[in-house]
Amino acid sequence: MTQSQHITSSVDTGTPTTPNRATPPASTSTRFLQVLGPLVWLIGLAVPSVMSPAWITIGGIFAIYAIVALSQDIVLGRAGMFDMGHAVYFGIGAYTSAILSLTFNWPILWTIPVAIVLSAALGAILSAPIVKLRGDYLLVVTIGFNAIFVLAMKNNLFGLTGGADGLFGISGPTLFGHTFGTQSELFYLNWVVLAIVLWLMRNLDRSALGRTFRYIKYDELAATTLGVNPRNYKVAAFALSAGIAGLAGTLFAMQLSAVSPGSFQFTDSVVLFAIVLVGGQGSVPGVLLGTAMMFVVPQIFTEFAQYRYLVFGIAMILVMVLRPQGIWPARKGAL
């Protein structure tokens, strides 16, 4: 069966096809990951019990940035689009929850659906006119979006964003009368949300939507000639990734009890972009490893933590030269 026939069958029926033979069983490495992933997550639940308060905070921040990096991977690693302004959607989620909570006295949990929907809607609106651009052109436009967002927040948009100082005093969520006020409790919240996002990513990879994203990335022309509308799917990829980033933004606002424009700069978008490239495009373990390299490893060598961007930049150069597919690339034959 040719690649084009395979794409046609998968897009039309929503199920993968095989050339007149049974689907081969999962490889040993795949089965190993299916066991290792949940095991590592369960071990992570012990962090608040065995680690210092500083490491508990680092663990919570790791979970948040892992969610954002996974959302970046939807656009870059799966749909193949260069988005260098992903911090915008992260910031939209954070500011939405902060404004609704502080200005309009909404319970912070009620703001989460609004933050997700608003971020996803903005992702769709901003991407609709630009997804036809390719490579460097798309990258430059998304950089512009990031610059505009930061400037708007610094100028206290509609008198709601707090200007350059941002917004402070965001409380933790209250569930069944209990307020999540400690770093340990927030860690558990972030860790559970990370598990939900990982489950969503797993199902996306197995779905017709996820396969179509990959078809467009690897051979957009072939997908187009077989009835796929690349523009619609690219906008969907932006919307989905933006919604997940908005969810992470709410967690970020609760974690720090504050939001400010300095947390969503262009450099933050660059870091997210680099995490996916260094870890491995389209690879969930690779993205998690890249996030750990950026936010956890520097804390082990605290005296060098201030040089983390330098070290990560050098690591990125080495990976691109020696292992361009990333440290932990996606499994071959994922389509």
Protein backbone atom coordinates (compact mmCIF):
# COMPACT_ATOMS: atom_id res chain seq x y z
CA MET A 1 0.00 0.00 0.00
CA THR A 2 1.39 3.41 -0.89
CA GLN A 3 1.74 6.27 1.58
CA SER A 4 -1.01 8.21 -0.21
CA GLN A 5 -3.41 5.27 0.03
CA HIS A 6 -2.56 4.89 3.69
CA ILE A 7 -3.33 8.57 4.32
CA THR A 8 -6.59 8.39 2.38
CA SER A 9 -7.83 5.41 4.35
CA SER A 10 -6.82 6.88 7.70
CA VAL A 11 -8.40 10.28 7.01
CA ASP A 12 -11.63 8.87 5.57
CA THR A 13 -12.25 6.20 8.18
CA GLY A 14 -10.51 7.73 11.19
CA THR A 15 -8.64 4.46 11.79
CA PRO A 16 -5.14 3.40 10.78
CA THR A 17 -4.74 0.79 8.07
CA THR A 18 -2.18 -1.93 7.49
CA PRO A 19 -1.17 -3.68 4.28
CA ASN A 20 -3.10 -6.97 4.47
CA ARG A 21 -1.59 -8.10 7.73
CA ALA A 22 -2.35 -7.85 11.42
CA THR A 23 -1.12 -4.85 13.32
CA PRO A 24 2.23 -5.74 14.88
CA PRO A 25 2.39 -5.82 18.66
CA ALA A 26 3.89 -2.90 20.52
CA SER A 27 7.66 -3.00 20.71
CA THR A 28 9.48 -3.82 23.93
CA SER A 29 10.57 -0.18 24.30
CA THR A 30 6.97 1.01 23.88
CA ARG A 31 5.71 -1.39 26.53
CA PHE A 32 8.56 -0.31 28.78
CA LEU A 33 7.54 3.34 28.45
CA GLN A 34 3.90 2.49 29.13
CA VAL A 35 5.01 1.06 32.47
CA LEU A 36 7.78 3.55 33.24
CA GLY A 37 5.69 6.67 32.65
CA PRO A 38 2.97 5.97 35.27
CA LEU A 39 5.62 4.64 37.66
CA VAL A 40 7.65 7.86 37.47
CA TRP A 41 4.48 9.89 37.98
CA LEU A 42 3.56 7.85 41.06
CA ILE A 43 7.06 8.28 42.46
CA GLY A 44 6.65 12.02 41.91
CA LEU A 45 3.73 12.01 44.34
CA ALA A 46 6.24 11.38 47.12
CA VAL A 47 8.10 14.65 46.48
CA PRO A 48 6.22 16.69 49.13
CA SER A 49 6.93 13.98 51.72
CA VAL A 50 10.65 13.55 51.17
CA MET A 51 11.92 16.81 49.65
CA SER A 52 12.56 20.28 51.05
CA PRO A 53 10.08 23.13 50.47
CA ALA A 54 12.34 24.57 47.78
CA TRP A 55 12.27 21.34 45.80
CA ILE A 56 8.52 21.04 46.24
CA THR A 57 8.16 24.45 44.60
CA ILE A 58 10.55 23.44 41.81
CA GLY A 59 8.51 20.28 41.25
CA GLY A 60 5.31 22.29 40.95
CA ILE A 61 6.88 24.71 38.47
CA PHE A 62 8.28 21.78 36.48
CA ALA A 63 4.76 20.35 36.14
CA ILE A 64 3.41 23.70 34.92
CA TYR A 65 6.13 24.24 32.33
CA ALA A 66 5.88 20.61 31.22
CA ILE A 67 2.22 21.26 30.39
CA VAL A 68 3.11 24.39 28.42
CA ALA A 69 5.93 22.60 26.59
CA LEU A 70 3.59 19.73 25.68
CA SER A 71 1.14 22.25 24.28
CA GLN A 72 3.97 23.79 22.24
CA ASP A 73 4.76 20.33 20.92
CA ILE A 74 1.27 20.04 19.41
CA VAL A 75 2.00 22.95 17.09
CA LEU A 76 5.70 22.34 16.49
CA GLY A 77 6.23 18.62 16.93
CA ARG A 78 2.97 17.31 15.57
CA ALA A 79 1.61 19.89 13.12
CA GLY A 80 5.06 21.13 12.07
CA MET A 81 4.47 24.88 12.47
CA PHE A 82 7.07 27.29 13.85
CA ASP A 83 5.37 29.12 16.71
CA MET A 84 7.79 31.42 18.55
CA GLY A 85 5.08 33.25 20.47
CA HIS A 86 3.57 30.46 22.54
CA ALA A 87 4.06 32.35 25.80
CA VAL A 88 1.16 34.57 24.68
CA TYR A 89 -1.42 31.83 25.34
CA PHE A 90 0.30 30.91 28.59
CA GLY A 91 -0.02 34.54 29.63
CA ILE A 92 -3.64 34.86 28.48
CA GLY A 93 -4.62 31.98 30.76
CA ALA A 94 -2.72 33.46 33.70
CA TYR A 95 -4.09 36.99 33.25
CA THR A 96 -7.65 35.77 32.65
CA SER A 97 -7.71 33.88 35.94
CA ALA A 98 -5.98 36.69 37.80
CA ILE A 99 -8.36 39.38 36.54
CA LEU A 100 -11.51 37.34 37.12
CA SER A 101 -10.34 36.38 40.60
CA LEU A 102 -9.02 39.73 41.82
CA THR A 103 -11.26 42.21 39.99
CA PHE A 104 -14.52 40.31 39.73
CA ASN A 105 -14.12 38.07 42.80
CA TRP A 106 -14.59 34.80 40.95
CA PRO A 107 -13.46 31.62 42.70
CA ILE A 108 -10.21 30.68 41.00
CA LEU A 109 -11.50 27.25 39.95
CA TRP A 110 -14.37 28.88 38.06
CA THR A 111 -11.88 30.87 36.02
CA ILE A 112 -10.17 27.77 34.60
CA PRO A 113 -12.78 26.99 31.88
CA VAL A 114 -12.84 30.66 30.87
CA ALA A 115 -9.04 30.79 30.67
CA ILE A 116 -8.96 27.65 28.51
CA VAL A 117 -11.71 28.80 26.15
CA LEU A 118 -10.38 32.35 25.84
CA SER A 119 -6.84 31.12 25.15
CA ALA A 120 -8.09 28.60 22.58
CA ALA A 121 -10.26 31.21 20.89
CA LEU A 122 -7.37 33.66 20.70
CA GLY A 123 -5.15 30.92 19.31
CA ALA A 124 -7.68 30.22 16.57
CA ILE A 125 -8.26 33.91 15.79
CA LEU A 126 -4.57 34.82 15.62
CA SER A 127 -3.57 31.75 13.64
CA ALA A 128 -6.38 31.80 11.06
CA PRO A 129 -4.81 34.47 8.81
CA ILE A 130 -1.20 33.28 9.20
CA VAL A 131 -1.20 29.47 8.98
CA LYS A 132 -0.67 29.68 5.24
CA LEU A 133 2.77 31.12 5.99
CA ARG A 134 5.66 28.70 6.19
CA GLY A 135 8.86 28.37 8.19
CA ASP A 136 10.63 31.62 8.98
CA TYR A 137 7.69 33.80 7.91
CA LEU A 138 5.33 32.17 10.41
CA LEU A 139 8.02 32.33 13.07
CA VAL A 140 8.51 36.09 12.62
CA VAL A 141 4.77 36.80 12.80
CA THR A 142 4.37 34.85 16.06
CA ILE A 143 7.32 36.76 17.52
CA GLY A 144 5.37 39.92 16.73
CA PHE A 145 2.32 38.59 18.56
CA ASN A 146 4.45 37.99 21.64
CA ALA A 147 5.86 41.52 21.54
CA ILE A 148 2.38 43.04 21.19
CA PHE A 149 1.03 40.99 24.09
CA VAL A 150 3.82 42.02 26.47
CA LEU A 151 3.46 45.67 25.47
CA ALA A 152 -0.30 45.57 26.03
CA MET A 153 0.09 44.04 29.49
CA LYS A 154 2.72 46.62 30.45
CA ASN A 155 0.38 49.43 29.38
CA ASN A 156 -2.36 48.20 31.72
CA LEU A 157 -4.83 47.13 29.03
CA PHE A 158 -8.36 48.37 29.83
CA GLY A 159 -7.06 49.22 33.31
CA LEU A 160 -7.17 45.52 34.25
CA THR A 161 -3.67 44.08 33.84
CA GLY A 162 -1.79 46.08 36.47
CA GLY A 163 0.82 47.54 34.14
CA ALA A 164 4.47 46.56 34.39
CA ASP A 165 4.05 45.45 38.02
CA GLY A 166 1.29 42.99 37.17
CA LEU A 167 -1.32 41.61 39.56
CA PHE A 168 -0.72 40.23 43.04
CA GLY A 169 -2.63 38.42 45.77
CA ILE A 170 -4.10 35.55 43.76
CA SER A 171 -5.34 32.89 46.14
CA GLY A 172 -5.21 29.16 45.75
CA PRO A 173 -8.30 27.16 44.77
CA THR A 174 -10.92 26.06 47.26
CA LEU A 175 -12.37 22.59 46.83
CA PHE A 176 -15.02 21.13 49.15
CA GLY A 177 -14.28 23.86 51.65
CA HIS A 178 -10.54 23.27 51.68
CA THR A 179 -8.18 25.92 50.31
CA PHE A 180 -5.02 24.79 48.55
CA GLY A 181 -2.68 27.22 50.25
CA THR A 182 0.62 25.42 50.72
CA GLN A 183 3.25 24.58 48.12
CA SER A 184 2.70 20.87 48.81
CA GLU A 185 -1.00 21.12 48.05
CA LEU A 186 -0.35 23.14 44.91
CA PHE A 187 2.24 20.56 43.86
CA TYR A 188 -0.37 17.80 44.05
CA LEU A 189 -2.80 19.92 42.04
CA ASN A 190 -0.21 20.61 39.33
CA TRP A 191 0.90 16.98 39.28
CA VAL A 192 -2.66 15.72 38.78
CA VAL A 193 -3.30 18.23 35.99
CA LEU A 194 -0.04 17.13 34.34
CA ALA A 195 -1.30 13.54 34.40
CA ILE A 196 -4.54 14.63 32.72
CA VAL A 197 -2.62 16.48 30.00
CA LEU A 198 -0.35 13.47 29.46
CA TRP A 199 -3.45 11.31 29.05
CA LEU A 200 -4.84 13.80 26.52
CA MET A 201 -1.56 13.75 24.58
CA ARG A 202 -1.60 9.96 24.52
CA ASN A 203 -5.12 9.93 23.14
CA LEU A 204 -4.32 12.69 20.64
CA ASP A 205 -1.48 10.58 19.22
CA ARG A 206 -3.90 7.68 18.76
CA SER A 207 -6.73 9.75 17.29
CA ALA A 208 -7.56 10.60 13.68
CA LEU A 209 -6.95 14.27 14.52
CA GLY A 210 -3.44 13.60 15.78
CA ARG A 211 -2.61 11.45 12.76
CA THR A 212 -3.87 14.16 10.43
CA PHE A 213 -1.61 16.70 12.14
CA ARG A 214 1.34 14.44 11.36
CA TYR A 215 0.24 13.89 7.75
CA ILE A 216 0.16 17.65 7.24
CA LYS A 217 3.60 18.02 8.84
CA TYR A 218 5.30 15.37 6.74
CA ASP A 219 3.48 15.80 3.40
CA GLU A 220 0.99 18.65 3.27
CA LEU A 221 0.62 18.44 -0.51
CA ALA A 222 -0.33 14.77 -0.40
CA ALA A 223 -2.82 15.40 2.40
CA THR A 224 -4.36 18.28 0.43
CA THR A 225 -4.83 16.23 -2.71
CA LEU A 226 -6.58 13.59 -0.64
CA GLY A 227 -9.25 15.90 0.73
CA VAL A 228 -7.67 17.26 3.92
CA ASN A 229 -8.03 21.00 4.47
CA PRO A 230 -4.63 21.90 5.98
CA ARG A 231 -5.71 25.39 7.02
CA ASN A 232 -8.55 24.12 9.19
CA TYR A 233 -6.38 21.51 10.86
CA LYS A 234 -3.56 23.97 11.47
CA VAL A 235 -5.98 26.40 13.12
CA ALA A 236 -7.29 23.49 15.21
CA ALA A 237 -3.73 22.66 16.27
CA PHE A 238 -3.15 26.26 17.37
CA ALA A 239 -6.46 26.37 19.24
CA LEU A 240 -5.86 23.08 21.04
CA SER A 241 -2.32 23.97 22.04
CA ALA A 242 -3.38 27.46 23.15
CA GLY A 243 -6.16 26.04 25.33
CA ILE A 244 -3.75 23.71 27.13
CA ALA A 245 -1.25 26.56 27.55
CA GLY A 246 -4.06 28.68 29.03
CA LEU A 247 -4.75 25.92 31.56
CA ALA A 248 -1.09 25.99 32.56
CA GLY A 249 -1.33 29.77 32.86
CA THR A 250 -4.01 29.45 35.53
CA LEU A 251 -1.85 27.00 37.48
CA PHE A 252 1.07 29.42 37.14
CA ALA A 253 -0.99 32.29 38.57
CA MET A 254 -1.99 30.16 41.56
CA GLN A 255 1.54 28.86 42.06
CA LEU A 256 3.14 32.31 42.28
CA SER A 257 0.06 34.21 43.57
CA ALA A 258 0.94 36.83 40.95
CA VAL A 259 1.28 37.48 37.23
CA SER A 260 3.38 40.08 35.43
CA PRO A 261 4.49 40.73 31.84
CA GLY A 262 8.02 39.61 32.70
CA SER A 263 6.88 35.99 32.88
CA PHE A 264 5.68 35.86 29.27
CA GLN A 265 8.48 37.53 27.34
CA PHE A 266 9.82 36.49 23.96
CA THR A 267 12.65 34.66 25.74
CA ASP A 268 10.07 32.43 27.44
CA SER A 269 8.66 31.50 24.03
CA VAL A 270 12.19 30.74 22.84
CA VAL A 271 12.72 28.44 25.83
CA LEU A 272 9.52 26.51 25.07
CA PHE A 273 10.51 26.23 21.41
CA ALA A 274 13.99 25.01 22.37
CA ILE A 275 12.67 22.47 24.88
CA VAL A 276 10.74 20.71 22.13
CA LEU A 277 13.69 20.77 19.72
CA VAL A 278 16.21 19.55 22.29
CA GLY A 279 13.96 16.92 23.82
CA GLY A 280 12.54 15.60 20.55
CA GLN A 281 9.66 16.80 18.39
CA GLY A 282 6.49 14.76 18.78
CA SER A 283 7.97 12.86 21.73
CA VAL A 284 6.28 13.19 25.12
CA PRO A 285 9.24 11.69 27.03
CA GLY A 286 11.56 13.98 25.09
CA VAL A 287 9.56 17.10 25.98
CA LEU A 288 9.49 16.11 29.66
CA LEU A 289 13.24 15.50 29.57
CA GLY A 290 13.83 18.87 27.92
CA THR A 291 11.70 20.59 30.57
CA ALA A 292 13.66 18.88 33.34
CA MET A 293 16.94 19.98 31.76
CA MET A 294 15.75 23.58 31.74
CA PHE A 295 14.03 23.89 35.11
CA VAL A 296 15.21 21.05 37.37
CA VAL A 297 18.85 20.25 36.54
CA PRO A 298 20.08 23.86 37.12
CA GLN A 299 18.74 23.65 40.68
CA ILE A 300 21.06 20.74 41.39
CA PHE A 301 23.98 23.02 40.59
CA THR A 302 22.61 26.11 42.26
CA GLU A 303 25.84 28.05 41.97
CA PHE A 304 25.50 27.80 38.19
CA ALA A 305 21.72 28.27 38.01
CA GLN A 306 22.12 31.82 36.69
CA TYR A 307 23.86 30.40 33.64
CA ARG A 308 21.06 28.01 32.74
CA TYR A 309 20.24 29.84 29.49
CA LEU A 310 23.89 29.67 28.46
CA VAL A 311 24.17 25.98 29.28
CA PHE A 312 20.84 25.17 27.63
CA GLY A 313 21.89 27.12 24.55
CA ILE A 314 25.11 25.15 24.30
CA ALA A 315 23.15 21.92 24.78
CA MET A 316 20.78 22.95 22.01
CA ILE A 317 23.68 23.58 19.62
CA LEU A 318 25.25 20.22 20.44
CA VAL A 319 21.97 18.38 20.03
CA MET A 320 21.23 20.05 16.70
CA VAL A 321 24.70 19.09 15.43
CA LEU A 322 25.08 15.62 16.90
CA ARG A 323 21.47 14.49 17.26
CA PRO A 324 19.14 16.72 15.24
CA GLN A 325 16.12 14.53 15.95
CA GLY A 326 16.41 15.38 19.68
CA ILE A 327 17.64 13.58 22.76
CA TRP A 328 14.57 11.32 22.92
CA PRO A 329 13.01 11.39 19.43
CA ALA A 330 9.53 10.18 18.61
CA ARG A 331 9.22 6.51 17.73
CA LYS A 332 9.63 5.84 14.04
CA GLY A 333 6.51 4.76 12.22
CA ALA A 334 4.24 6.77 14.52
CA LEU A 335 1.89 7.38 11.63
